[in-house]
Protein backbone atom coordinates (compact mmCIF):
# COMPACT_ATOMS: atom_id res chain seq x y z
CA MET A 1 0.00 0.00 0.00
CA ALA A 2 2.86 2.36 0.83
CA CYS A 3 4.29 1.79 -2.64
CA THR A 4 0.95 2.56 -4.28
CA ALA A 5 0.60 5.75 -2.25
CA GLU A 6 4.10 6.85 -3.24
CA ILE A 7 3.36 6.25 -6.94
CA SER A 8 0.11 8.21 -6.67
CA GLU A 9 1.92 11.07 -4.98
CA LYS A 10 4.58 11.20 -7.71
CA TYR A 11 1.87 11.00 -10.37
CA ASP A 12 0.13 14.03 -8.87
CA VAL A 13 3.42 15.93 -8.84
CA LEU A 14 3.96 15.09 -12.51
CA ARG A 15 0.39 16.11 -13.38
CA ARG A 16 0.81 19.50 -11.73
CA GLU A 17 4.17 20.10 -13.42
CA LEU A 18 2.72 19.25 -16.82
CA GLU A 19 -0.31 21.48 -16.22
CA LYS A 20 2.06 24.41 -15.58
CA LYS A 21 3.43 23.82 -19.07
CA GLY A 22 -0.03 23.60 -20.60
CA ILE A 23 0.14 19.84 -21.10
CA ASP A 24 -2.97 17.77 -20.38
CA ILE A 25 -1.88 14.50 -18.77
CA ALA A 26 -5.07 12.79 -19.91
CA GLU A 27 -4.13 13.58 -23.52
CA VAL A 28 -0.63 12.22 -22.92
CA LYS A 29 -2.13 8.98 -21.61
CA ARG A 30 -4.45 8.73 -24.61
CA LYS A 31 -1.52 9.08 -27.01
CA ILE A 32 0.46 6.43 -25.12
CA GLU A 33 -2.52 4.07 -25.23
CA ASN A 34 -2.78 4.56 -29.01
CA PHE A 35 0.96 4.18 -29.67
CA GLU A 36 1.80 1.20 -31.86
CA VAL A 37 5.05 -0.52 -32.75
CA GLU A 38 5.69 -2.73 -35.77
CA VAL A 39 7.70 -5.79 -34.74
CA PRO A 40 10.23 -7.37 -37.11
CA SER A 41 9.73 -11.04 -37.93
CA TRP A 42 13.42 -11.84 -37.64
CA VAL A 43 13.56 -11.26 -33.88
CA PHE A 44 11.54 -14.44 -33.38
CA GLY A 45 13.76 -16.81 -35.36
CA ALA A 46 17.41 -17.64 -35.86
CA PHE A 47 18.93 -14.19 -35.63
CA GLY A 48 20.86 -12.41 -38.32
CA GLY A 49 20.49 -14.50 -41.44
CA GLY A 50 24.23 -15.29 -41.31
CA ARG A 51 25.48 -11.77 -40.51
CA PHE A 52 26.01 -12.64 -36.84
CA SER A 53 26.96 -16.29 -37.26
CA GLY A 54 24.23 -18.79 -36.39
CA TYR A 55 22.84 -17.60 -33.08
CA THR A 56 19.51 -19.25 -32.34
CA PRO A 57 17.72 -18.33 -29.11
CA PRO A 58 15.91 -21.05 -27.13
CA GLY A 59 12.47 -21.74 -28.56
CA ALA A 60 13.16 -19.82 -31.77
CA ALA A 61 10.51 -19.96 -34.47
CA ARG A 62 11.39 -22.40 -37.25
CA ASN A 63 9.47 -20.71 -40.07
CA ILE A 64 7.51 -17.56 -40.82
CA PHE A 65 4.24 -19.03 -39.58
CA GLU A 66 5.74 -19.72 -36.16
CA LYS A 67 7.19 -16.19 -36.20
CA LEU A 68 3.68 -14.83 -36.73
CA ASP A 69 2.37 -17.04 -33.90
CA ASP A 70 4.96 -15.48 -31.59
CA ALA A 71 4.19 -11.98 -32.85
CA ALA A 72 0.50 -12.54 -32.17
CA LEU A 73 1.31 -13.45 -28.56
CA VAL A 74 3.29 -10.22 -28.16
CA ASN A 75 0.33 -8.28 -29.53
CA ARG A 76 -2.09 -10.01 -27.16
CA LEU A 77 0.14 -9.16 -24.21
CA THR A 78 0.78 -5.54 -25.16
CA GLY A 79 -2.10 -4.52 -27.41
CA ALA A 80 0.45 -2.35 -29.23
CA THR A 81 2.02 -4.50 -31.98
CA PRO A 82 -0.64 -5.23 -34.63
CA ARG A 83 1.77 -5.33 -37.61
CA VAL A 84 4.79 -7.44 -38.45
CA SER A 85 7.62 -6.37 -40.75
CA ILE A 86 8.96 -9.17 -42.97
CA HIS A 87 12.21 -9.95 -44.80
CA VAL A 88 11.31 -11.43 -48.19
CA GLY A 89 14.39 -13.62 -48.52
CA TRP A 90 14.00 -15.08 -45.04
CA ASP A 91 10.20 -15.20 -44.78
CA ASP A 92 8.99 -16.75 -48.02
CA PRO A 93 6.19 -19.08 -46.87
CA ASP A 94 7.12 -21.58 -49.60
CA GLU A 95 10.81 -21.43 -48.66
CA ALA A 96 11.68 -21.31 -52.35
CA PRO A 97 15.21 -20.66 -53.62
CA PHE A 98 15.98 -16.94 -53.67
CA GLU A 99 15.63 -16.62 -57.45
CA GLU A 100 12.26 -18.40 -57.43
CA ILE A 101 10.38 -16.38 -54.80
CA GLN A 102 6.86 -15.61 -56.04
CA VAL A 103 4.69 -12.63 -55.13
CA GLU A 104 1.53 -14.71 -54.86
CA SER A 105 3.10 -16.97 -52.23
CA PHE A 106 2.71 -14.11 -49.77
CA ARG A 107 -1.09 -14.12 -50.01
CA LYS A 108 -1.17 -17.10 -47.65
CA LEU A 109 1.13 -15.22 -45.30
CA ARG A 110 -1.17 -12.19 -45.26
CA ASP A 111 -4.21 -14.42 -44.71
CA TYR A 112 -2.55 -16.34 -41.87
CA ALA A 113 -1.52 -13.09 -40.18
CA ARG A 114 -5.06 -11.75 -40.36
CA ARG A 115 -6.44 -14.88 -38.72
CA LEU A 116 -4.12 -14.05 -35.82
CA GLY A 117 -5.30 -10.43 -35.67
CA LEU A 118 -2.18 -9.11 -37.38
CA ASP A 119 -1.24 -7.38 -40.62
CA ILE A 120 1.95 -7.47 -42.63
CA GLY A 121 3.74 -4.13 -42.26
CA ALA A 122 6.92 -2.97 -43.96
CA VAL A 123 8.45 -5.32 -46.51
CA ASN A 124 12.24 -5.65 -46.52
CA PRO A 125 14.10 -6.93 -49.58
CA THR A 126 16.98 -9.15 -48.50
CA TYR A 127 20.42 -7.95 -49.61
CA PHE A 128 22.66 -9.68 -47.05
CA LEU A 129 23.48 -12.67 -49.21
CA GLU A 130 26.42 -14.66 -50.50
CA GLY A 131 27.79 -12.74 -53.44
CA THR A 132 27.15 -9.25 -52.04
CA GLN A 133 30.49 -8.86 -50.29
CA PHE A 134 31.37 -6.29 -52.97
CA GLY A 135 27.97 -4.60 -52.85
CA SER A 136 24.36 -5.22 -53.79
CA LEU A 137 22.71 -2.35 -55.66
CA SER A 138 26.08 -0.58 -55.82
CA ALA A 139 28.10 -3.59 -57.02
CA ASN A 140 30.34 -3.31 -60.06
CA ASP A 141 28.97 -6.62 -61.30
CA PRO A 142 25.88 -5.81 -63.41
CA GLU A 143 24.42 -9.29 -62.86
CA THR A 144 24.48 -8.78 -59.09
CA ARG A 145 22.74 -5.42 -59.46
CA ARG A 146 20.15 -6.86 -61.87
CA ARG A 147 19.40 -9.80 -59.59
CA LEU A 148 18.75 -7.55 -56.61
CA ILE A 149 16.85 -4.88 -58.54
CA GLU A 150 14.39 -7.59 -59.60
CA HIS A 151 14.22 -8.93 -56.05
CA THR A 152 13.41 -5.43 -54.79
CA LEU A 153 10.65 -5.07 -57.37
CA ILE A 154 9.16 -8.39 -56.24
CA SER A 155 9.27 -7.06 -52.68
CA ALA A 156 7.54 -3.85 -53.77
CA GLU A 157 4.75 -5.83 -55.41
CA ILE A 158 4.32 -7.89 -52.24
CA ALA A 159 4.08 -4.63 -50.29
CA ALA A 160 1.43 -3.30 -52.67
CA LYS A 161 -0.72 -6.44 -52.68
CA TYR A 162 -0.35 -7.96 -49.24
CA ALA A 163 1.12 -5.38 -46.88
CA THR A 164 1.01 -1.65 -46.12
CA GLY A 165 2.66 -0.45 -49.33
CA LEU A 166 6.04 0.30 -47.73
CA ILE A 167 9.44 -1.18 -48.51
CA THR A 168 12.42 -0.46 -46.28
CA LEU A 169 15.92 -0.81 -47.69
CA TRP A 170 19.16 -1.47 -45.82
CA PHE A 171 22.27 -2.46 -47.71
CA PRO A 172 25.52 -4.31 -46.93
CA ASP A 173 27.33 -2.11 -49.45
CA GLY A 174 30.67 -0.65 -48.42
CA SER A 175 34.33 -1.60 -48.12
CA LEU A 176 36.79 -3.02 -45.61
CA TYR A 177 39.94 -1.11 -46.58
CA PRO A 178 41.06 1.76 -48.83
CA GLY A 179 40.89 0.99 -52.53
CA GLN A 180 38.62 -2.06 -52.26
CA VAL A 181 35.84 -0.25 -54.12
CA ASP A 182 35.63 2.97 -56.09
CA MET A 183 33.43 5.07 -53.81
CA ARG A 184 32.16 7.36 -56.56
CA THR A 185 31.28 4.45 -58.84
CA ALA A 186 29.53 2.67 -55.97
CA GLU A 187 27.42 5.74 -55.26
CA ARG A 188 26.53 6.16 -58.94
CA ASN A 189 25.54 2.49 -59.18
CA MET A 190 23.41 2.76 -56.03
CA LYS A 191 21.67 5.88 -57.31
CA SER A 192 21.01 4.34 -60.73
CA SER A 193 19.67 1.09 -59.24
CA LEU A 194 17.35 2.90 -56.85
CA LYS A 195 16.10 5.14 -59.65
CA GLU A 196 15.14 2.14 -61.76
CA ILE A 197 13.37 0.53 -58.80
CA TYR A 198 11.53 3.74 -57.96
CA GLN A 199 10.34 4.19 -61.54
CA ARG A 200 9.22 0.58 -61.98
CA MET A 201 7.64 -0.17 -58.59
CA PRO A 202 3.85 0.29 -58.17
CA ASP A 203 2.78 3.91 -57.73
CA SER A 204 1.14 3.03 -54.42
CA VAL A 205 4.42 1.88 -52.87
CA ARG A 206 6.73 4.08 -50.79
CA MET A 207 10.33 3.36 -49.88
CA LEU A 208 12.49 4.33 -46.91
CA ILE A 209 16.27 4.21 -47.25
CA GLU A 210 18.23 3.17 -44.17
CA TYR A 211 21.78 4.25 -43.41
CA LYS A 212 24.57 3.07 -41.15
CA LEU A 213 27.94 4.55 -40.28
CA PHE A 214 29.77 1.24 -39.79
CA GLU A 215 29.30 -2.52 -40.37
CA PRO A 216 29.40 -4.64 -42.32
CA GLY A 217 31.75 -2.23 -44.11
CA THR A 218 34.53 -1.36 -41.67
CA TYR A 219 36.22 1.30 -43.83
CA HIS A 220 33.17 2.93 -45.40
CA THR A 221 29.50 2.28 -46.11
CA VAL A 222 27.85 3.54 -49.29
CA ILE A 223 24.91 5.04 -47.37
CA SER A 224 26.72 6.18 -44.26
CA ASP A 225 24.42 8.80 -42.72
CA TYR A 226 21.09 10.56 -42.99
CA CYS A 227 22.50 13.18 -45.36
CA VAL A 228 23.41 10.55 -47.95
CA ALA A 229 20.04 8.83 -47.50
CA SER A 230 18.24 12.18 -47.79
CA ASP A 231 20.12 13.05 -50.99
CA LEU A 232 19.12 9.73 -52.52
CA ALA A 233 15.49 10.15 -51.45
CA ARG A 234 15.30 13.65 -52.94
CA HIS A 235 16.84 12.35 -56.17
CA LEU A 236 14.12 9.69 -56.39
CA GLY A 237 10.97 11.65 -55.55
CA GLU A 238 8.21 12.22 -53.02
CA ARG A 239 7.55 8.50 -52.41
CA ALA A 240 11.07 8.02 -51.01
CA GLY A 241 12.29 8.89 -47.54
CA VAL A 242 14.79 8.08 -44.80
CA LEU A 243 14.75 5.26 -42.27
CA ILE A 244 16.54 5.98 -38.99
CA ASP A 245 17.96 3.08 -37.00
CA VAL A 246 18.81 4.47 -33.58
CA GLY A 247 21.82 2.15 -33.31
CA HIS A 248 23.37 3.16 -36.64
CA HIS A 249 25.22 6.29 -35.52
CA ALA A 250 28.52 7.26 -34.03
CA HIS A 251 28.58 7.59 -30.25
CA GLY A 252 27.12 10.89 -29.11
CA VAL A 253 25.20 11.71 -32.29
CA ASN A 254 21.98 13.56 -31.44
CA VAL A 255 19.32 11.40 -33.12
CA GLU A 256 16.54 13.72 -31.94
CA HIS A 257 18.17 16.52 -33.91
CA ILE A 258 18.25 14.32 -37.03
CA VAL A 259 14.55 13.59 -36.62
CA ALA A 260 13.81 17.29 -36.18
CA ARG A 261 15.76 18.19 -39.32
CA LEU A 262 13.99 15.57 -41.42
CA ILE A 263 10.58 16.74 -40.19
CA GLU A 264 11.48 20.38 -40.80
CA SER A 265 12.57 19.60 -44.37
CA GLY A 266 9.40 17.62 -45.07
CA MET A 267 11.28 14.37 -45.61
CA PRO A 268 9.19 11.19 -45.10
CA GLY A 269 10.76 8.99 -42.49
CA GLY A 270 10.58 6.11 -40.06
CA ILE A 271 12.48 4.83 -37.02
CA HIS A 272 13.90 1.41 -36.18
C-alpha cells in the first residue's frame, strides 16, 4: 500500500508540473494508449540471417508461420504490436530458392496473419546474401545489381498487394579497406539502381532508405548517414524517404536533432 501511495503522490506531482506547461496528462495517456510498434519477424527466429553467425535463441521460431504465432502473442500481451515487418528472402512461406520467390506466395502469409489479428507491415528486400560482399545495388557486377533490382521489385509488389505499401531498404554495401571499391562508382551504381526501382515499382508503394555509419563495411559504407540517405530520397521523388535506425550512428550523435531536421525539411521517415 505504501508503494501505491508513493506512486500516486509522484503522479500528482507530474500532473501539476505538466499542467504548468499547458500539457494535459489525460491527452498524454491517450496518445500512449494509441501508440503502436511494428515488430520485425526476424527477432523471433534464428537471428541475423548469417550476418552474426548462427545464433539461435531457445524456442526460436522455425518458419515464418511460427514467427507470426509469436508476434500474435506479443500483440495479445501488449495490445500495441498489430503489424509485423517481414524480410522477403527469409520469410517466403514456400521457402523457395531466392531466385524463385513468387509474389503470390505471400497471399497465404497475409491471410494467416489476419487470422491471428495481425497485418503485414513494412516489406524488406533481403540484400545480405552470398555474393554481395562487394555490394548489392552498388556492385560493379551488373548481374548482381540486376538480380537484386528484380528482387526489390518483387518485394515492392508484395508490399502493394499484401502489406502496407512500404518497402524499407538497408544495404551491406561498403568496403573493408582503402581501394577495395571505387566510392564514386559505388554511389553512382546505387543511385542508378534505386532510380530504376523507384520508376518501376507500383505507384502506391513508398520506400524508406536506411543508413549506417559502420558494419558490415569497416572502412566505409555507401549510405553512411542521414545526409546521404536524404540526398538519394530527394533524387528519387516524393515517395522516397529516410529510415533511422537508432543504433546506426557514431557515439554521441543527437538522433533527436536528425529527426527534427527531417521533419522540418518535409522528408518522409521512419524509425527502427
